[in-house]
Amino acid sequence: MDSSADIAILVAEECEHKVNLTAEKTSNSAEVGWLMMFGIEEKKIESLMRKFELKSQFAVAVSSGFFSA
């Protein structure tokens, strides 16, 4: 093999490595985004549950309707 073929192989390997790293980072950021969104939704539900603590008949009715839907 001559040196230009060696260089071409090295460049191709480096390019492939960078593409794989970029794809991996994109996948990780998408997973983090979903987890963050899930965490935010979970906090919203907890907040809503605190607002409708079982203090009155109205709160009981709202809670039953909300969780049966």
N, C-alpha and C. Protein backbone atom coordinates (compact mmCIF):
# COMPACT_ATOMS: atom_id res chain seq x y z
N MET A 1 0.83 -1.19 0.00
CA MET A 1 0.00 0.00 0.00
C MET A 1 0.87 1.24 0.00
N ASP A 2 0.41 2.23 -0.72
CA ASP A 2 1.16 3.48 -0.69
C ASP A 2 0.60 4.40 0.39
N SER A 3 1.30 5.48 0.65
CA SER A 3 0.93 6.36 1.76
C SER A 3 -0.41 7.07 1.52
N SER A 4 -0.77 7.36 0.27
CA SER A 4 -2.05 8.04 0.02
C SER A 4 -3.23 7.11 0.34
N ALA A 5 -3.08 5.82 0.11
CA ALA A 5 -4.13 4.86 0.47
C ALA A 5 -4.26 4.75 1.99
N ASP A 6 -3.11 4.76 2.69
CA ASP A 6 -3.13 4.73 4.15
C ASP A 6 -3.84 5.96 4.71
N ILE A 7 -3.54 7.10 4.16
CA ILE A 7 -4.16 8.34 4.60
C ILE A 7 -5.67 8.30 4.35
N ALA A 8 -6.06 7.80 3.20
CA ALA A 8 -7.49 7.71 2.87
C ALA A 8 -8.22 6.80 3.86
N ILE A 9 -7.59 5.69 4.22
CA ILE A 9 -8.20 4.77 5.19
C ILE A 9 -8.33 5.44 6.55
N LEU A 10 -7.28 6.13 6.98
CA LEU A 10 -7.33 6.82 8.27
C LEU A 10 -8.41 7.90 8.29
N VAL A 11 -8.52 8.65 7.21
CA VAL A 11 -9.55 9.70 7.12
C VAL A 11 -10.94 9.08 7.16
N ALA A 12 -11.13 7.99 6.44
CA ALA A 12 -12.44 7.32 6.42
C ALA A 12 -12.80 6.79 7.81
N GLU A 13 -11.82 6.20 8.50
CA GLU A 13 -12.08 5.68 9.85
C GLU A 13 -12.42 6.81 10.81
N GLU A 14 -11.70 7.92 10.72
CA GLU A 14 -11.97 9.06 11.59
C GLU A 14 -13.34 9.65 11.32
N CYS A 15 -13.71 9.74 10.06
CA CYS A 15 -15.02 10.25 9.68
C CYS A 15 -16.12 9.35 10.24
N GLU A 16 -15.95 8.05 10.09
CA GLU A 16 -16.94 7.08 10.60
C GLU A 16 -17.07 7.20 12.12
N HIS A 17 -15.94 7.37 12.79
CA HIS A 17 -15.93 7.51 14.25
C HIS A 17 -16.72 8.76 14.67
N LYS A 18 -16.49 9.87 13.97
CA LYS A 18 -17.20 11.12 14.30
C LYS A 18 -18.69 11.00 14.04
N VAL A 19 -19.07 10.34 12.96
CA VAL A 19 -20.49 10.15 12.65
C VAL A 19 -21.15 9.31 13.74
N ASN A 20 -20.48 8.26 14.19
CA ASN A 20 -21.02 7.42 15.25
C ASN A 20 -21.17 8.20 16.55
N LEU A 21 -20.20 9.03 16.89
CA LEU A 21 -20.29 9.84 18.11
C LEU A 21 -21.44 10.82 18.03
N THR A 22 -21.63 11.45 16.87
CA THR A 22 -22.71 12.42 16.70
C THR A 22 -24.06 11.73 16.84
N ALA A 23 -24.21 10.57 16.26
CA ALA A 23 -25.47 9.82 16.36
C ALA A 23 -25.74 9.42 17.81
N GLU A 24 -24.70 9.04 18.53
CA GLU A 24 -24.84 8.64 19.93
C GLU A 24 -25.26 9.82 20.78
N LYS A 25 -24.66 10.99 20.56
CA LYS A 25 -25.01 12.19 21.33
C LYS A 25 -26.45 12.60 21.06
N THR A 26 -26.89 12.52 19.82
CA THR A 26 -28.26 12.88 19.47
C THR A 26 -29.23 11.96 20.19
N SER A 27 -28.94 10.69 20.21
CA SER A 27 -29.80 9.71 20.89
C SER A 27 -29.86 10.00 22.38
N ASN A 28 -28.71 10.30 22.98
CA ASN A 28 -28.68 10.60 24.41
C ASN A 28 -29.47 11.85 24.73
N SER A 29 -29.35 12.89 23.91
CA SER A 29 -30.08 14.12 24.19
C SER A 29 -31.58 13.92 24.03
N ALA A 30 -31.99 13.07 23.10
CA ALA A 30 -33.41 12.77 22.94
C ALA A 30 -33.94 12.04 24.16
N GLU A 31 -33.14 11.10 24.68
CA GLU A 31 -33.55 10.38 25.88
C GLU A 31 -33.67 11.32 27.06
N VAL A 32 -32.72 12.22 27.22
CA VAL A 32 -32.76 13.19 28.31
C VAL A 32 -33.98 14.08 28.17
N GLY A 33 -34.30 14.48 26.94
CA GLY A 33 -35.48 15.30 26.70
C GLY A 33 -36.75 14.60 27.13
N TRP A 34 -36.89 13.32 26.78
CA TRP A 34 -38.08 12.56 27.18
C TRP A 34 -38.14 12.42 28.69
N LEU A 35 -37.00 12.15 29.32
CA LEU A 35 -37.00 12.00 30.77
C LEU A 35 -37.35 13.30 31.47
N MET A 36 -36.84 14.41 30.94
CA MET A 36 -37.17 15.71 31.53
C MET A 36 -38.65 15.99 31.37
N MET A 37 -39.19 15.71 30.19
CA MET A 37 -40.60 15.97 29.95
C MET A 37 -41.45 15.10 30.88
N PHE A 38 -41.06 13.85 31.07
CA PHE A 38 -41.78 12.96 31.97
C PHE A 38 -41.73 13.50 33.39
N GLY A 39 -40.56 13.98 33.81
CA GLY A 39 -40.41 14.54 35.15
C GLY A 39 -41.28 15.77 35.36
N ILE A 40 -41.36 16.62 34.34
CA ILE A 40 -42.19 17.82 34.43
C ILE A 40 -43.66 17.42 34.54
N GLU A 41 -44.09 16.46 33.73
CA GLU A 41 -45.48 16.00 33.79
C GLU A 41 -45.78 15.39 35.16
N GLU A 42 -44.84 14.65 35.70
CA GLU A 42 -45.03 14.03 37.01
C GLU A 42 -45.20 15.11 38.08
N LYS A 43 -44.41 16.18 38.00
CA LYS A 43 -44.53 17.28 38.96
C LYS A 43 -45.86 18.00 38.82
N LYS A 44 -46.35 18.15 37.58
CA LYS A 44 -47.65 18.79 37.37
C LYS A 44 -48.75 17.97 38.03
N ILE A 45 -48.69 16.66 37.89
CA ILE A 45 -49.70 15.79 38.49
C ILE A 45 -49.63 15.87 40.01
N GLU A 46 -48.42 15.87 40.57
CA GLU A 46 -48.27 15.99 42.02
C GLU A 46 -48.84 17.31 42.51
N SER A 47 -48.57 18.38 41.79
CA SER A 47 -49.09 19.69 42.16
C SER A 47 -50.61 19.70 42.11
N LEU A 48 -51.16 19.11 41.07
CA LEU A 48 -52.62 19.04 40.93
C LEU A 48 -53.22 18.23 42.07
N MET A 49 -52.57 17.15 42.44
CA MET A 49 -53.07 16.32 43.54
C MET A 49 -53.05 17.09 44.85
N ARG A 50 -52.02 17.90 45.07
CA ARG A 50 -51.97 18.70 46.30
C ARG A 50 -53.10 19.72 46.34
N LYS A 51 -53.43 20.29 45.18
CA LYS A 51 -54.51 21.28 45.13
C LYS A 51 -55.84 20.66 45.49
N PHE A 52 -56.03 19.41 45.11
CA PHE A 52 -57.31 18.74 45.34
C PHE A 52 -57.21 17.70 46.45
N GLU A 53 -56.50 18.05 47.52
CA GLU A 53 -56.43 17.12 48.64
C GLU A 53 -57.85 16.86 49.14
N LEU A 54 -58.04 15.70 49.72
CA LEU A 54 -59.37 15.29 50.14
C LEU A 54 -59.83 16.09 51.36
N LYS A 55 -60.22 17.34 51.12
CA LYS A 55 -60.67 18.21 52.20
C LYS A 55 -62.18 18.42 52.15
N SER A 56 -62.78 18.20 51.02
CA SER A 56 -64.21 18.43 50.89
C SER A 56 -64.81 17.39 49.95
N GLN A 57 -66.11 17.34 49.92
CA GLN A 57 -66.81 16.44 49.02
C GLN A 57 -66.51 16.79 47.57
N PHE A 58 -66.39 18.09 47.29
CA PHE A 58 -66.08 18.54 45.94
C PHE A 58 -64.71 18.00 45.51
N ALA A 59 -63.73 18.09 46.41
CA ALA A 59 -62.39 17.59 46.09
C ALA A 59 -62.41 16.09 45.84
N VAL A 60 -63.20 15.36 46.61
CA VAL A 60 -63.32 13.92 46.42
C VAL A 60 -63.91 13.62 45.04
N ALA A 61 -64.96 14.35 44.67
CA ALA A 61 -65.61 14.14 43.37
C ALA A 61 -64.66 14.46 42.23
N VAL A 62 -63.94 15.55 42.33
CA VAL A 62 -62.99 15.94 41.28
C VAL A 62 -61.89 14.90 41.16
N SER A 63 -61.36 14.47 42.29
CA SER A 63 -60.30 13.48 42.29
C SER A 63 -60.77 12.17 41.66
N SER A 64 -61.95 11.73 42.00
CA SER A 64 -62.50 10.49 41.43
C SER A 64 -62.68 10.62 39.93
N GLY A 65 -63.19 11.75 39.48
CA GLY A 65 -63.39 11.97 38.05
C GLY A 65 -62.09 12.06 37.30
N PHE A 66 -61.09 12.69 37.90
CA PHE A 66 -59.80 12.87 37.25
C PHE A 66 -59.10 11.53 37.06
N PHE A 67 -59.11 10.68 38.07
CA PHE A 67 -58.37 9.43 38.00
C PHE A 67 -59.14 8.32 37.30
N SER A 68 -60.43 8.49 37.12
CA SER A 68 -61.18 7.46 36.40
C SER A 68 -61.16 7.69 34.90
N ALA A 69 -60.74 8.88 34.48
CA ALA A 69 -60.73 9.21 33.05
C ALA A 69 -59.64 8.51 32.30
